[in-house]
C-alpha atoms as a PDB file:
ATOM      1  CA  MET A   1      85.178 100.345 106.812  1.00  0.00           C
ATOM      2  CA  THR A   2      84.656 103.871 105.521  1.00  0.00           C
ATOM      3  CA  GLU A   3      87.796 105.485 104.178  1.00  0.00           C
ATOM      4  CA  PRO A   4      88.529 109.024 105.362  1.00  0.00           C
ATOM      5  CA  THR A   5      88.223 111.854 102.867  1.00  0.00           C
ATOM      6  CA  TYR A   6      90.775 114.601 102.438  1.00  0.00           C
ATOM      7  CA  GLU A   7      90.885 117.996 100.823  1.00  0.00           C
ATOM      8  CA  PHE A   8      93.765 118.378  98.375  1.00  0.00           C
ATOM      9  CA  SER A   9      94.995 121.752  97.181  1.00  0.00           C
ATOM     10  CA  PRO A  10      96.888 122.554  93.953  1.00  0.00           C
ATOM     11  CA  SER A  11     100.002 123.262  96.019  1.00  0.00           C
ATOM     12  CA  GLU A  12     100.141 119.587  96.946  1.00  0.00           C
ATOM     13  CA  THR A  13     100.862 118.584  93.351  1.00  0.00           C
ATOM     14  CA  HIS A  14     104.445 119.825  92.970  1.00  0.00           C
ATOM     15  CA  GLY A  15     106.871 122.483  94.158  1.00  0.00           C
ATOM     16  CA  LEU A  16     106.471 121.593  97.828  1.00  0.00           C
ATOM     17  CA  THR A  17     108.833 123.287 100.246  1.00  0.00           C
ATOM     18  CA  GLU A  18     108.133 120.926 103.130  1.00  0.00           C
ATOM     19  CA  TYR A  19     106.770 117.466 103.809  1.00  0.00           C
ATOM     20  CA  THR A  20     102.981 117.112 103.812  1.00  0.00           C
ATOM     21  CA  PRO A  21     100.884 113.991 104.489  1.00  0.00           C
ATOM     22  CA  HIS A  22      98.535 114.552 101.525  1.00  0.00           C
ATOM     23  CA  ILE A  23      99.884 114.928  97.996  1.00  0.00           C
ATOM     24  CA  SER A  24      98.529 114.719  94.492  1.00  0.00           C
ATOM     25  CA  VAL A  25     100.161 114.055  91.146  1.00  0.00           C
ATOM     26  CA  ARG A  26      99.037 113.871  87.544  1.00  0.00           C
ATOM     27  CA  ALA A  27     100.244 110.682  85.852  1.00  0.00           C
ATOM     28  CA  ALA A  28      98.979 108.293  83.165  1.00  0.00           C
ATOM     29  CA  GLY A  29      96.357 110.812  82.106  1.00  0.00           C
ATOM     30  CA  ARG A  30      94.627 111.428  85.417  1.00  0.00           C
ATOM     31  CA  LEU A  31      95.058 112.944  88.859  1.00  0.00           C
ATOM     32  CA  TRP A  32      96.084 110.651  91.708  1.00  0.00           C
ATOM     33  CA  ARG A  33      95.658 111.558  95.347  1.00  0.00           C
ATOM     34  CA  LEU A  34      97.957 109.964  97.881  1.00  0.00           C
ATOM     35  CA  THR A  35      98.152 109.870 101.640  1.00  0.00           C
ATOM     36  CA  ARG A  36     101.323 109.006 103.519  1.00  0.00           C
ATOM     37  CA  ALA A  37     102.816 109.086 106.998  1.00  0.00           C
ATOM     38  CA  ALA A  38     101.739 112.216 108.834  1.00  0.00           C
ATOM     39  CA  ASP A  39     105.059 112.908 110.551  1.00  0.00           C
ATOM     40  CA  LEU A  40     108.177 111.968 108.578  1.00  0.00           C
ATOM     41  CA  GLU A  41     110.609 112.834 111.366  1.00  0.00           C
ATOM     42  CA  GLN A  42     108.725 110.658 113.836  1.00  0.00           C
ATOM     43  CA  LEU A  43     108.711 107.791 111.324  1.00  0.00           C
ATOM     44  CA  TRP A  44     112.489 107.992 110.831  1.00  0.00           C
ATOM     45  CA  ASP A  45     113.067 108.145 114.585  1.00  0.00           C
ATOM     46  CA  ALA A  46     110.889 105.090 115.183  1.00  0.00           C
ATOM     47  CA  MET A  47     112.640 103.043 112.517  1.00  0.00           C
ATOM     48  CA  THR A  48     116.142 103.878 113.775  1.00  0.00           C
ATOM     49  CA  ALA A  49     115.358 103.599 117.490  1.00  0.00           C
ATOM     50  CA  GLU A  50     117.017 100.172 117.813  1.00  0.00           C
ATOM     51  CA  PRO A  51     120.314 100.463 115.901  1.00  0.00           C
ATOM     52  CA  ASP A  52     121.418  96.903 116.700  1.00  0.00           C
ATOM     53  CA  ASP A  53     118.435  95.507 114.780  1.00  0.00           C
ATOM     54  CA  PHE A  54     118.229  98.181 112.127  1.00  0.00           C
ATOM     55  CA  GLU A  55     118.779  97.456 108.424  1.00  0.00           C
ATOM     56  CA  ASP A  56     119.486 100.474 106.255  1.00  0.00           C
ATOM     57  CA  GLU A  57     117.180  99.245 103.471  1.00  0.00           C
ATOM     58  CA  ARG A  58     114.335  99.729 105.941  1.00  0.00           C
ATOM     59  CA  LEU A  59     114.732 103.495 105.888  1.00  0.00           C
ATOM     60  CA  PRO A  60     111.288 104.912 105.006  1.00  0.00           C
ATOM     61  CA  TYR A  61     111.977 105.808 101.387  1.00  0.00           C
ATOM     62  CA  TRP A  62     108.534 104.387 100.640  1.00  0.00           C
ATOM     63  CA  THR A  63     106.823 107.455 102.073  1.00  0.00           C
ATOM     64  CA  GLU A  64     108.176 109.670  99.286  1.00  0.00           C
ATOM     65  CA  LEU A  65     106.819 109.858  95.747  1.00  0.00           C
ATOM     66  CA  TRP A  66     109.855 109.588  93.467  1.00  0.00           C
ATOM     67  CA  PRO A  67     110.028 111.003  89.911  1.00  0.00           C
ATOM     68  CA  SER A  68     110.763 107.514  88.580  1.00  0.00           C
ATOM     69  CA  SER A  69     107.327 106.341  89.695  1.00  0.00           C
ATOM     70  CA  VAL A  70     105.632 109.183  87.843  1.00  0.00           C
ATOM     71  CA  ALA A  71     107.565 108.413  84.644  1.00  0.00           C
ATOM     72  CA  LEU A  72     106.910 104.694  85.006  1.00  0.00           C
ATOM     73  CA  ALA A  73     103.189 105.429  85.296  1.00  0.00           C
ATOM     74  CA  GLY A  74     103.420 107.275  81.973  1.00  0.00           C
ATOM     75  CA  TRP A  75     105.076 104.271  80.352  1.00  0.00           C
ATOM     76  CA  LEU A  76     102.444 101.897  81.723  1.00  0.00           C
ATOM     77  CA  ALA A  77      99.714 104.046  80.205  1.00  0.00           C
ATOM     78  CA  GLN A  78     101.304 103.445  76.800  1.00  0.00           C
ATOM     79  CA  GLN A  79     101.496  99.699  77.438  1.00  0.00           C
ATOM     80  CA  GLN A  80      97.906  98.952  78.394  1.00  0.00           C
ATOM     81  CA  SER A  81      97.534  96.270  75.716  1.00  0.00           C
ATOM     82  CA  ALA A  82     100.618  94.500  77.088  1.00  0.00           C
ATOM     83  CA  ILE A  83      99.394  94.384  80.687  1.00  0.00           C
ATOM     84  CA  ALA A  84      95.581  94.241  80.591  1.00  0.00           C
ATOM     85  CA  GLY A  85      94.321  90.897  81.822  1.00  0.00           C
ATOM     86  CA  ARG A  86      97.829  89.619  82.561  1.00  0.00           C
ATOM     87  CA  PRO A  87      99.566  88.838  85.860  1.00  0.00           C
ATOM     88  CA  CYS A  88     101.846  91.739  86.714  1.00  0.00           C
ATOM     89  CA  LEU A  89     103.998  92.551  89.725  1.00  0.00           C
ATOM     90  CA  ASP A  90     105.045  95.904  91.150  1.00  0.00           C
ATOM     91  CA  MET A  91     108.425  95.303  92.783  1.00  0.00           C
ATOM     92  CA  GLY A  92     108.670  97.816  95.624  1.00  0.00           C
ATOM     93  CA  CYS A  93     105.329  99.597  95.389  1.00  0.00           C
ATOM     94  CA  GLY A  94     105.769 102.187  98.145  1.00  0.00           C
ATOM     95  CA  LEU A  95     102.703 104.427  98.289  1.00  0.00           C
ATOM     96  CA  GLY A  96     101.164 102.372  95.490  1.00  0.00           C
ATOM     97  CA  LEU A  97     101.090 104.740  92.515  1.00  0.00           C
ATOM     98  CA  THR A  98     102.337 102.410  89.780  1.00  0.00           C
ATOM     99  CA  ALA A  99     100.461  99.428  91.222  1.00  0.00           C
ATOM    100  CA  MET A 100      97.260 101.480  91.133  1.00  0.00           C
ATOM    101  CA  VAL A 101      97.975 102.585  87.579  1.00  0.00           C
ATOM    102  CA  GLY A 102      98.481  98.969  86.519  1.00  0.00           C
ATOM    103  CA  GLN A 103      95.255  97.865  88.192  1.00  0.00           C
ATOM    104  CA  TRP A 104      93.355 100.814  86.686  1.00  0.00           C
ATOM    105  CA  LEU A 105      94.649  99.805  83.244  1.00  0.00           C
ATOM    106  CA  GLY A 106      93.312  96.276  83.694  1.00  0.00           C
ATOM    107  CA  ALA A 107      96.332  94.287  84.865  1.00  0.00           C
ATOM    108  CA  ASN A 108      95.972  91.495  87.410  1.00  0.00           C
ATOM    109  CA  MET A 109      98.200  93.226  89.936  1.00  0.00           C
ATOM    110  CA  THR A 110     100.316  91.914  92.740  1.00  0.00           C
ATOM    111  CA  ALA A 111     102.237  94.644  94.565  1.00  0.00           C
ATOM    112  CA  MET A 112     105.053  93.954  96.991  1.00  0.00           C
ATOM    113  CA  ASP A 113     107.014  96.021  99.449  1.00  0.00           C
ATOM    114  CA  TYR A 114     109.480  95.279 102.226  1.00  0.00           C
ATOM    115  CA  GLU A 115     107.524  97.420 104.681  1.00  0.00           C
ATOM    116  CA  GLU A 116     104.041  96.586 105.915  1.00  0.00           C
ATOM    117  CA  ASP A 117     103.386 100.266 106.684  1.00  0.00           C
ATOM    118  CA  ALA A 118     103.870 101.099 103.010  1.00  0.00           C
ATOM    119  CA  LEU A 119     101.229  98.560 102.017  1.00  0.00           C
ATOM    120  CA  ARG A 120      98.729  99.959 104.485  1.00  0.00           C
ATOM    121  CA  PHE A 121      99.032 103.386 102.899  1.00  0.00           C
ATOM    122  CA  ALA A 122      98.995 101.900  99.402  1.00  0.00           C
ATOM    123  CA  ALA A 123      95.717 100.085 100.116  1.00  0.00           C
ATOM    124  CA  ARG A 124      94.255 103.281 101.521  1.00  0.00           C
ATOM    125  CA  ASN A 125      95.339 105.154  98.405  1.00  0.00           C
ATOM    126  CA  ALA A 126      93.706 102.621  96.095  1.00  0.00           C
ATOM    127  CA  ALA A 127      90.421 103.126  97.943  1.00  0.00           C
ATOM    128  CA  LEU A 128      90.857 106.907  97.843  1.00  0.00           C
ATOM    129  CA  ASN A 129      91.336 106.832  94.068  1.00  0.00           C
ATOM    130  CA  GLY A 130      88.517 104.423  93.316  1.00  0.00           C
ATOM    131  CA  VAL A 131      90.802 101.646  92.058  1.00  0.00           C
ATOM    132  CA  PRO A 132      90.133  97.948  92.772  1.00  0.00           C
ATOM    133  CA  GLN A 133      92.633  96.686  95.296  1.00  0.00           C
ATOM    134  CA  PRO A 134      95.700  94.899  93.934  1.00  0.00           C
ATOM    135  CA  LEU A 135      97.003  91.956  95.933  1.00  0.00           C
ATOM    136  CA  TRP A 136      99.255  93.770  98.401  1.00  0.00           C
ATOM    137  CA  THR A 137     101.944  91.584  99.935  1.00  0.00           C
ATOM    138  CA  VAL A 138     104.937  92.017 102.207  1.00  0.00           C
ATOM    139  CA  MET A 139     107.884  90.477 100.394  1.00  0.00           C
ATOM    140  CA  ASP A 140     111.666  90.643 100.423  1.00  0.00           C
ATOM    141  CA  TRP A 141     113.087  90.196  96.930  1.00  0.00           C
ATOM    142  CA  ARG A 142     115.822  88.028  98.485  1.00  0.00           C
ATOM    143  CA  ARG A 143     113.084  85.551  99.449  1.00  0.00           C
ATOM    144  CA  PRO A 144     110.539  85.397  96.612  1.00  0.00           C
ATOM    145  CA  ALA A 145     107.027  84.380  97.617  1.00  0.00           C
ATOM    146  CA  VAL A 146     105.452  84.211  94.173  1.00  0.00           C
ATOM    147  CA  ARG A 147     105.126  81.191  91.924  1.00  0.00           C
ATOM    148  CA  ALA A 148     108.169  80.648  89.730  1.00  0.00           C
ATOM    149  CA  ARG A 149     108.020  82.337  86.311  1.00  0.00           C
ATOM    150  CA  SER A 150     104.414  83.398  86.822  1.00  0.00           C
ATOM    151  CA  MET A 151     104.519  87.129  86.053  1.00  0.00           C
ATOM    152  CA  GLN A 152     104.183  88.445  82.509  1.00  0.00           C
ATOM    153  CA  ARG A 153     105.327  91.918  83.489  1.00  0.00           C
ATOM    154  CA  ILE A 154     107.327  93.096  86.487  1.00  0.00           C
ATOM    155  CA  TRP A 155     108.159  96.727  87.122  1.00  0.00           C
ATOM    156  CA  GLY A 156     109.790  99.004  89.638  1.00  0.00           C
ATOM    157  CA  GLY A 157     110.559 102.691  89.945  1.00  0.00           C
ATOM    158  CA  ASP A 158     114.003 103.618  91.312  1.00  0.00           C
ATOM    159  CA  ILE A 159     114.241 100.393  93.293  1.00  0.00           C
ATOM    160  CA  MET A 160     118.045 100.206  93.436  1.00  0.00           C
ATOM    161  CA  TYR A 161     120.220 102.770  95.137  1.00  0.00           C
ATOM    162  CA  GLU A 162     123.166 100.542  96.123  1.00  0.00           C
ATOM    163  CA  LYS A 163     125.215  98.111  94.045  1.00  0.00           C
ATOM    164  CA  ARG A 164     124.534  95.289  96.502  1.00  0.00           C
ATOM    165  CA  PHE A 165     120.901  95.303  95.366  1.00  0.00           C
ATOM    166  CA  VAL A 166     121.776  94.412  91.767  1.00  0.00           C
ATOM    167  CA  ALA A 167     122.351  90.664  92.185  1.00  0.00           C
ATOM    168  CA  PRO A 168     119.258  90.030  94.380  1.00  0.00           C
ATOM    169  CA  VAL A 169     117.039  91.955  91.973  1.00  0.00           C
ATOM    170  CA  LEU A 170     118.248  89.929  89.005  1.00  0.00           C
ATOM    171  CA  ARG A 171     117.803  86.676  90.922  1.00  0.00           C
ATOM    172  CA  PHE A 172     114.257  87.722  91.773  1.00  0.00           C
ATOM    173  CA  LEU A 173     113.503  88.530  88.147  1.00  0.00           C
ATOM    174  CA  ASP A 174     114.899  85.174  87.096  1.00  0.00           C
ATOM    175  CA  HIS A 175     112.570  83.464  89.563  1.00  0.00           C
ATOM    176  CA  ALA A 176     109.372  85.438  88.991  1.00  0.00           C
ATOM    177  CA  LEU A 177     109.393  86.556  85.356  1.00  0.00           C
ATOM    178  CA  ALA A 178     107.620  84.384  82.785  1.00  0.00           C
ATOM    179  CA  PRO A 179     109.878  82.974  80.036  1.00  0.00           C
ATOM    180  CA  ASP A 180     108.397  85.369  77.470  1.00  0.00           C
ATOM    181  CA  GLY A 181     107.831  88.193  79.949  1.00  0.00           C
ATOM    182  CA  ALA A 182     109.507  91.566  80.380  1.00  0.00           C
ATOM    183  CA  ALA A 183     110.550  93.740  83.288  1.00  0.00           C
ATOM    184  CA  TRP A 184     110.496  97.535  83.262  1.00  0.00           C
ATOM    185  CA  VAL A 185     112.857  99.456  85.500  1.00  0.00           C
ATOM    186  CA  ALA A 186     112.634 103.244  85.778  1.00  0.00           C
ATOM    187  CA  GLU A 187     115.743 105.087  86.923  1.00  0.00           C
ATOM    188  CA  PRO A 188     116.789 108.753  87.265  1.00  0.00           C
ATOM    189  CA  GLY A 189     120.441 108.388  86.261  1.00  0.00           C
ATOM    190  CA  ARG A 190     121.919 106.965  89.454  1.00  0.00           C
ATOM    191  CA  THR A 191     125.382 105.474  88.946  1.00  0.00           C
ATOM    192  CA  VAL A 192     124.240 102.153  90.430  1.00  0.00           C
ATOM    193  CA  TYR A 193     122.331 101.505  87.215  1.00  0.00           C
ATOM    194  CA  ASP A 194     125.613 101.327  85.317  1.00  0.00           C
ATOM    195  CA  ALA A 195     126.422  98.264  87.410  1.00  0.00           C
ATOM    196  CA  PHE A 196     122.935  96.925  86.801  1.00  0.00           C
ATOM    197  CA  LEU A 197     123.233  97.222  83.023  1.00  0.00           C
ATOM    198  CA  HIS A 198     126.661  95.581  83.101  1.00  0.00           C
ATOM    199  CA  ALA A 199     125.235  92.699  85.135  1.00  0.00           C
ATOM    200  CA  LEU A 200     122.485  92.240  82.558  1.00  0.00           C
ATOM    201  CA  GLN A 201     125.015  91.698  79.795  1.00  0.00           C
ATOM    202  CA  SER A 202     126.882  89.047  81.753  1.00  0.00           C
ATOM    203  CA  GLY A 203     123.852  87.318  83.234  1.00  0.00           C
ATOM    204  CA  GLY A 204     121.758  86.073  80.331  1.00  0.00           C
ATOM    205  CA  TRP A 205     119.599  89.194  80.032  1.00  0.00           C
ATOM    206  CA  GLN A 206     119.171  91.895  77.445  1.00  0.00           C
ATOM    207  CA  GLY A 207     118.105  95.435  78.182  1.00  0.00           C
ATOM    208  CA  ARG A 208     117.047  98.369  76.069  1.00  0.00           C
ATOM    209  CA  ARG A 209     115.894 101.866  76.881  1.00  0.00           C
ATOM    210  CA  VAL A 210     112.250 102.208  75.829  1.00  0.00           C
ATOM    211  CA  TYR A 211     110.989 105.427  77.378  1.00  0.00           C
ATOM    212  CA  ARG A 212     112.160 108.799  78.634  1.00  0.00           C
ATOM    213  CA  GLU A 213     110.232 111.415  80.554  1.00  0.00           C
ATOM    214  CA  THR A 214     111.201 114.667  82.221  1.00  0.00           C
ATOM    215  CA  VAL A 215     109.359 114.911  85.529  1.00  0.00           C
ATOM    216  CA  GLU A 216     108.769 117.932  87.701  1.00  0.00           C
ATOM    217  CA  PRO A 217     109.827 116.792  91.182  1.00  0.00           C
ATOM    218  CA  LEU A 218     107.416 116.838  94.077  1.00  0.00           C
ATOM    219  CA  TYR A 219     109.667 119.223  95.972  1.00  0.00           C
ATOM    220  CA  ALA A 220     110.831 122.563  94.640  1.00  0.00           C
ATOM    221  CA  GLN A 221     114.251 122.378  92.981  1.00  0.00           C
ATOM    222  CA  PRO A 222     115.997 124.228  90.132  1.00  0.00           C
ATOM    223  CA  VAL A 223     115.707 121.554  87.450  1.00  0.00           C
ATOM    224  CA  PRO A 224     113.307 118.703  86.634  1.00  0.00           C
ATOM    225  CA  VAL A 225     114.410 115.061  86.725  1.00  0.00           C
ATOM    226  CA  THR A 226     114.961 113.013  83.563  1.00  0.00           C
ATOM    227  CA  VAL A 227     113.883 109.409  84.036  1.00  0.00           C
ATOM    228  CA  HIS A 228     114.575 106.485  81.700  1.00  0.00           C
ATOM    229  CA  VAL A 229     112.660 103.216  81.590  1.00  0.00           C
ATOM    230  CA  TRP A 230     114.593 100.080  80.621  1.00  0.00           C
ATOM    231  CA  GLU A 231     112.932  96.943  79.310  1.00  0.00           C
ATOM    232  CA  ILE A 232     114.645  93.751  80.434  1.00  0.00           C
ATOM    233  CA  CYS A 233     114.073  90.326  78.871  1.00  0.00           C
ATOM    234  CA  ARG A 234     115.840  87.000  78.888  1.00  0.00           C
ATOM    235  CA  ARG A 235     118.372  86.737  76.103  1.00  0.00           C
ATOM    236  CA  ALA A 236     117.062  84.617  73.237  1.00  0.00           C
END
């Protein structure tokens, strides 16, 4: 199957004033071109059309490129020796940026998302950027579908936006992360991460802040976003 080609303009990199289906971003030392849902309003309407069956975590956040993903890509670029040739998992890959970065840096990537539509766009984006395809898989972190303690590195960018996600995320990490592995979580200062860090201390984990990056947001706004990356390991 031949992938479509698109023309990207400099205005699609940052400072957008409205949603556009084709965007580009510079991260991890190169330019990445991403496609996403063509009509955001139509996507939201379709996903909320049946309120009795609707789960709020299924809102299409995946179709946005969040500053945390850009910062996380920068951190991964500094950690190539830690991920190259090793099994790694992107936990909530969305449009696929950090999964593609990991694969490009030589990791043996598995990338999961709750939404199949996200994975379709992520696979398209890997082809568009000339990156070998990671293993894309639909997965709910409440029901892990990876071999226990098989991943040397697990990462996610801004994957928690409600406190109720904290416990399932930690249970997933406990299941999937290798005994000597590490997880990297990028966050833009949301208050939910206070609860996450508290849960680490009481749950047999240790966390430390390892990276900070100030990211120009995709959409025009007065100030950039400061993102921190936390490294999480089992307590010795």
